[in-house]
């Protein structure tokens, strides 16, 4: 099924807390390895150390298992309420825990997320992967139309805005942050779509992006290529697409957008 690399994520494991090594492969359905607190620099913060302690407990528990109440887990970690809430935010951002209120509630191990593979990245989803996979496939089928419109209607101001989005993508690459890269990538494509004078095409494309973004929990590396290397290559490809739009090189732009759509599997 044809699609793209770059459709990525709400909270991601490589976000501020608990950044994965770019070359670490994480198999779909497996919880990323929690590092012992001793492996973390002190500067990483008490919230991240607490999050890692709970993540270690999660690794020994079955999906859906109850870990305990917030107070019980906070006592286990020996941290303040504020620090524990930050640790909980980190765990939720990695898709590791769910919180249930009321009697018998507390923190539970998150159920296994459905997965969609895009190029050399893997998306962990909070919904049926078929919905997202279909949205990606349809989204990619619309991109040549949007590129055609951008070639004809893109102004110098439009190109300047696209360069600004590329700069945000580049900062995400340098920070080794696939979460930020995903959002910057989406914003770039949304800005290309905004150039089109066709309101129906813009609306449809925007709705598809929203489906992809809203259901993605995290971006994980696949096995063949380190994720950091992969997103760096994708940034370069997007720079070349904008270059082709600026020079009105239709053949080059169409060639690049076809290269942009890579193999996807469930």
Protein backbone atom coordinates (compact mmCIF):
# COMPACT_ATOMS: atom_id res chain seq x y z
CA UNK A 1 0.00 0.00 0.00
CA UNK A 2 1.52 3.31 -1.02
CA UNK A 3 2.00 6.05 1.56
CA UNK A 4 4.46 8.25 3.36
CA UNK A 5 7.11 8.39 5.99
CA UNK A 6 6.15 11.27 7.93
CA UNK A 7 2.74 10.92 9.43
CA UNK A 8 3.47 10.88 12.93
CA UNK A 9 2.29 11.60 16.30
CA UNK A 10 0.68 12.93 19.36
CA UNK A 11 2.90 12.32 22.44
CA UNK A 12 5.94 10.33 21.44
CA UNK A 13 8.46 8.28 23.37
CA UNK A 14 11.26 10.47 22.10
CA UNK A 15 9.55 13.55 23.52
CA UNK A 16 11.29 15.50 26.25
CA UNK A 17 11.19 12.75 28.82
CA UNK A 18 12.57 9.33 27.97
CA UNK A 19 14.13 9.90 24.57
CA UNK A 20 14.98 6.68 22.78
CA UNK A 21 18.33 6.21 21.16
CA UNK A 22 17.79 6.89 17.46
CA UNK A 23 19.02 3.45 16.45
CA UNK A 24 17.05 1.44 19.00
CA UNK A 25 14.48 -0.75 17.28
CA UNK A 26 11.24 -1.31 19.16
CA UNK A 27 9.07 -4.12 17.92
CA UNK A 28 5.34 -3.40 17.56
CA UNK A 29 3.45 -4.42 20.66
CA UNK A 30 6.53 -4.29 22.88
CA UNK A 31 7.03 -1.74 25.63
CA UNK A 32 10.24 0.30 25.16
CA UNK A 33 12.85 -0.73 27.73
CA UNK A 34 12.82 1.37 30.86
CA UNK A 35 16.27 2.44 31.98
CA UNK A 36 17.28 2.07 35.59
CA UNK A 37 17.46 5.37 37.42
CA UNK A 38 21.22 5.00 37.81
CA UNK A 39 21.60 5.21 34.04
CA UNK A 40 19.92 8.63 33.95
CA UNK A 41 21.91 11.82 34.50
CA UNK A 42 20.70 13.74 37.54
CA UNK A 43 19.83 16.60 35.18
CA UNK A 44 17.10 14.46 33.62
CA UNK A 45 14.99 15.20 36.67
CA UNK A 46 13.12 13.41 39.40
CA UNK A 47 9.96 13.11 37.30
CA UNK A 48 11.78 11.10 34.66
CA UNK A 49 13.38 8.87 37.28
CA UNK A 50 9.93 8.26 38.79
CA UNK A 51 8.52 7.57 35.33
CA UNK A 52 11.28 5.03 34.72
CA UNK A 53 10.55 3.24 38.01
CA UNK A 54 6.91 2.86 37.04
CA UNK A 55 7.89 1.85 33.48
CA UNK A 56 10.03 -0.93 34.97
CA UNK A 57 6.96 -2.12 36.88
CA UNK A 58 4.94 -1.98 33.66
CA UNK A 59 7.44 -4.26 31.92
CA UNK A 60 6.72 -6.95 34.52
CA UNK A 61 2.93 -6.57 34.17
CA UNK A 62 0.39 -7.73 31.62
CA UNK A 63 -1.51 -5.28 29.41
CA UNK A 64 -4.54 -3.99 31.31
CA UNK A 65 -3.09 -4.89 34.73
CA UNK A 66 -3.75 -2.51 37.61
CA UNK A 67 -0.56 -0.90 38.90
CA UNK A 68 -2.09 0.84 41.92
CA UNK A 69 -3.56 4.16 42.94
CA UNK A 70 -1.79 7.43 42.28
CA UNK A 71 -0.98 7.77 45.99
CA UNK A 72 0.41 4.23 46.17
CA UNK A 73 2.66 4.74 43.17
CA UNK A 74 3.71 8.20 44.31
CA UNK A 75 4.70 6.70 47.67
CA UNK A 76 6.68 3.99 45.88
CA UNK A 77 8.58 6.67 43.94
CA UNK A 78 9.02 8.97 46.94
CA UNK A 79 8.19 12.17 45.08
CA UNK A 80 5.89 15.14 45.53
CA UNK A 81 2.43 15.41 43.99
CA UNK A 82 3.68 17.83 41.34
CA UNK A 83 6.63 15.63 40.42
CA UNK A 84 4.42 12.55 40.24
CA UNK A 85 1.93 14.32 37.98
CA UNK A 86 4.78 15.20 35.63
CA UNK A 87 5.95 11.57 35.68
CA UNK A 88 2.40 10.46 34.91
CA UNK A 89 2.28 12.86 31.98
CA UNK A 90 5.49 11.33 30.62
CA UNK A 91 4.13 7.80 30.96
CA UNK A 92 0.89 8.75 29.23
CA UNK A 93 2.82 10.49 26.46
CA UNK A 94 4.67 7.23 25.82
CA UNK A 95 1.39 5.31 25.66
CA UNK A 96 2.39 3.15 28.65
CA UNK A 97 -0.43 3.80 31.13
CA UNK A 98 -4.09 4.67 31.33
CA UNK A 99 -5.83 6.32 34.29
CA UNK A 100 -9.28 5.23 35.46
CA UNK A 101 -11.24 7.23 38.05
CA UNK A 102 -13.57 6.01 40.75
CA UNK A 103 -13.58 2.95 43.05
CA UNK A 104 -11.15 0.35 41.79
CA UNK A 105 -9.52 2.96 39.61
CA UNK A 106 -5.94 4.08 39.44
CA UNK A 107 -3.15 3.48 36.96
CA UNK A 108 -3.35 0.55 34.55
CA UNK A 109 -0.93 -0.84 32.01
CA UNK A 110 -2.03 0.42 28.60
CA UNK A 111 -3.45 -2.17 26.26
CA UNK A 112 -1.31 -3.02 23.24
CA UNK A 113 -1.68 -0.33 20.61
CA UNK A 114 -2.44 -1.16 17.01
CA UNK A 115 0.49 -0.39 14.77
CA UNK A 116 0.99 1.04 11.31
CA UNK A 117 4.39 1.03 9.70
CA UNK A 118 5.39 3.96 7.51
CA UNK A 119 8.72 3.68 5.75
CA UNK A 120 11.30 3.15 8.49
CA UNK A 121 9.09 4.34 11.32
CA UNK A 122 6.25 2.70 13.22
CA UNK A 123 3.17 4.52 14.49
CA UNK A 124 1.51 3.33 17.68
CA UNK A 125 -2.18 4.22 17.47
CA UNK A 126 -5.09 4.64 19.84
CA UNK A 127 -7.61 3.39 17.27
CA UNK A 128 -8.10 0.72 14.62
CA UNK A 129 -5.08 0.95 12.35
CA UNK A 130 -7.32 0.55 9.32
CA UNK A 131 -8.81 4.03 9.87
CA UNK A 132 -5.41 5.68 9.96
CA UNK A 133 -3.95 3.56 7.18
CA UNK A 134 -6.84 4.46 4.90
CA UNK A 135 -6.53 8.14 5.79
CA UNK A 136 -2.82 8.06 4.95
CA UNK A 137 -3.41 6.26 1.66
CA UNK A 138 -6.09 8.74 0.57
CA UNK A 139 -4.02 11.68 1.80
CA UNK A 140 -1.08 10.59 -0.31
CA UNK A 141 -3.27 10.17 -3.38
CA UNK A 142 -4.27 13.84 -3.06
CA UNK A 143 -0.75 15.20 -2.74
CA UNK A 144 0.05 15.30 -6.48
CA UNK A 145 -3.06 17.49 -6.95
CA UNK A 146 -1.89 19.83 -4.21
CA UNK A 147 1.60 19.99 -5.69
CA UNK A 148 0.11 20.94 -9.07
CA UNK A 149 -1.87 23.76 -7.43
CA UNK A 150 1.18 24.94 -5.49
CA UNK A 151 3.23 25.04 -8.69
CA UNK A 152 0.65 27.27 -10.37
CA UNK A 153 -0.53 29.41 -7.47
CA UNK A 154 2.36 29.55 -4.99
CA UNK A 155 3.50 33.12 -4.32
CA UNK A 156 6.85 34.30 -2.92
CA UNK A 157 5.08 34.74 0.42
CA UNK A 158 3.89 31.13 0.27
CA UNK A 159 7.41 29.89 -0.43
CA UNK A 160 8.74 31.97 2.47
CA UNK A 161 6.18 30.35 4.77
CA UNK A 162 7.20 26.90 3.55
CA UNK A 163 10.83 27.74 4.28
CA UNK A 164 9.80 28.66 7.79
CA UNK A 165 8.13 25.26 8.25
CA UNK A 166 11.27 23.57 6.93
CA UNK A 167 13.31 25.42 9.55
CA UNK A 168 11.07 24.03 12.28
CA UNK A 169 11.55 20.53 10.83
CA UNK A 170 15.31 21.02 10.80
CA UNK A 171 15.34 22.03 14.46
CA UNK A 172 13.40 18.89 15.31
CA UNK A 173 15.93 16.78 13.42
CA UNK A 174 18.84 18.40 15.26
CA UNK A 175 17.04 17.88 18.58
CA UNK A 176 16.46 14.21 17.65
CA UNK A 177 12.78 14.72 18.41
CA UNK A 178 10.51 12.67 16.10
CA UNK A 179 7.42 14.04 17.87
CA UNK A 180 8.29 17.62 16.93
CA UNK A 181 9.37 16.46 13.48
CA UNK A 182 5.99 14.85 12.92
CA UNK A 183 4.09 17.99 13.80
CA UNK A 184 6.40 20.15 11.69
CA UNK A 185 5.95 17.75 8.79
CA UNK A 186 2.17 17.93 9.08
CA UNK A 187 2.30 21.71 9.29
CA UNK A 188 4.42 21.89 6.15
CA UNK A 189 1.97 19.74 4.20
CA UNK A 190 -0.99 21.68 5.56
CA UNK A 191 0.68 24.90 4.41
CA UNK A 192 1.22 23.45 0.92
CA UNK A 193 -2.46 22.48 0.87
CA UNK A 194 -3.44 26.02 1.86
CA UNK A 195 -2.03 27.31 -1.43
CA UNK A 196 -4.69 25.44 -3.41
CA UNK A 197 -7.60 27.61 -4.57
CA UNK A 198 -9.90 24.56 -4.31
CA UNK A 199 -11.77 24.71 -0.97
CA UNK A 200 -13.04 21.12 -1.23
CA UNK A 201 -9.55 19.76 -1.78
CA UNK A 202 -8.18 21.83 1.12
CA UNK A 203 -10.95 20.69 3.45
CA UNK A 204 -10.65 17.01 2.57
CA UNK A 205 -6.90 17.03 2.93
CA UNK A 206 -7.10 18.83 6.27
CA UNK A 207 -9.61 16.30 7.58
CA UNK A 208 -7.33 13.41 6.64
CA UNK A 209 -4.39 15.03 8.41
CA UNK A 210 -6.54 15.47 11.51
CA UNK A 211 -7.45 11.76 11.54
CA UNK A 212 -3.81 10.74 11.27
CA UNK A 213 -2.59 13.18 13.89
CA UNK A 214 -5.36 12.65 16.42
CA UNK A 215 -4.98 8.87 16.57
CA UNK A 216 -1.18 8.60 16.67
CA UNK A 217 0.27 7.99 20.12
CA UNK A 218 3.95 7.61 19.31
CA UNK A 219 6.60 7.20 16.66
CA UNK A 220 9.00 4.30 17.04
CA UNK A 221 12.03 3.30 14.99
CA UNK A 222 11.80 0.32 12.66
CA UNK A 223 14.66 -2.13 12.36
CA UNK A 224 16.24 -1.34 9.01
CA UNK A 225 17.41 2.22 9.64
CA UNK A 226 17.87 4.41 12.72
CA UNK A 227 14.92 6.75 13.10
CA UNK A 228 17.16 9.80 13.43
CA UNK A 229 18.88 9.02 10.13
CA UNK A 230 15.50 8.43 8.54
CA UNK A 231 13.94 11.75 9.57
CA UNK A 232 17.07 13.57 8.47
CA UNK A 233 16.65 12.07 5.00
CA UNK A 234 12.97 12.99 4.99
CA UNK A 235 13.82 16.59 5.89
CA UNK A 236 16.19 16.75 2.92
CA UNK A 237 13.47 15.39 0.65
CA UNK A 238 11.02 18.07 1.81
CA UNK A 239 13.62 20.79 1.23
CA UNK A 240 13.97 19.54 -2.35
CA UNK A 241 10.17 19.59 -2.81
CA UNK A 242 10.00 23.23 -1.75
CA UNK A 243 12.97 24.05 -3.99
CA UNK A 244 11.11 22.52 -6.93
CA UNK A 245 7.98 24.51 -6.10
CA UNK A 246 9.98 27.73 -5.95
CA UNK A 247 11.66 27.07 -9.31
CA UNK A 248 8.33 25.93 -10.87
CA UNK A 249 10.02 22.67 -11.88
CA UNK A 250 6.93 20.50 -12.36
CA UNK A 251 8.72 17.31 -13.43
CA UNK A 252 11.04 17.46 -10.43
CA UNK A 253 8.22 18.26 -8.00
CA UNK A 254 6.10 15.33 -9.19
CA UNK A 255 9.09 13.01 -9.07
CA UNK A 256 9.83 14.05 -5.49
CA UNK A 257 6.27 13.72 -4.23
CA UNK A 258 6.18 10.18 -5.63
CA UNK A 259 9.41 9.42 -3.79
CA UNK A 260 7.79 10.91 -0.69
CA UNK A 261 5.16 8.16 -0.63
CA UNK A 262 6.84 5.01 0.68
CA UNK A 263 5.65 1.54 1.58
CA UNK A 264 3.18 1.16 4.43
CA UNK A 265 2.13 -2.03 6.19
CA UNK A 266 -0.14 -2.81 9.16
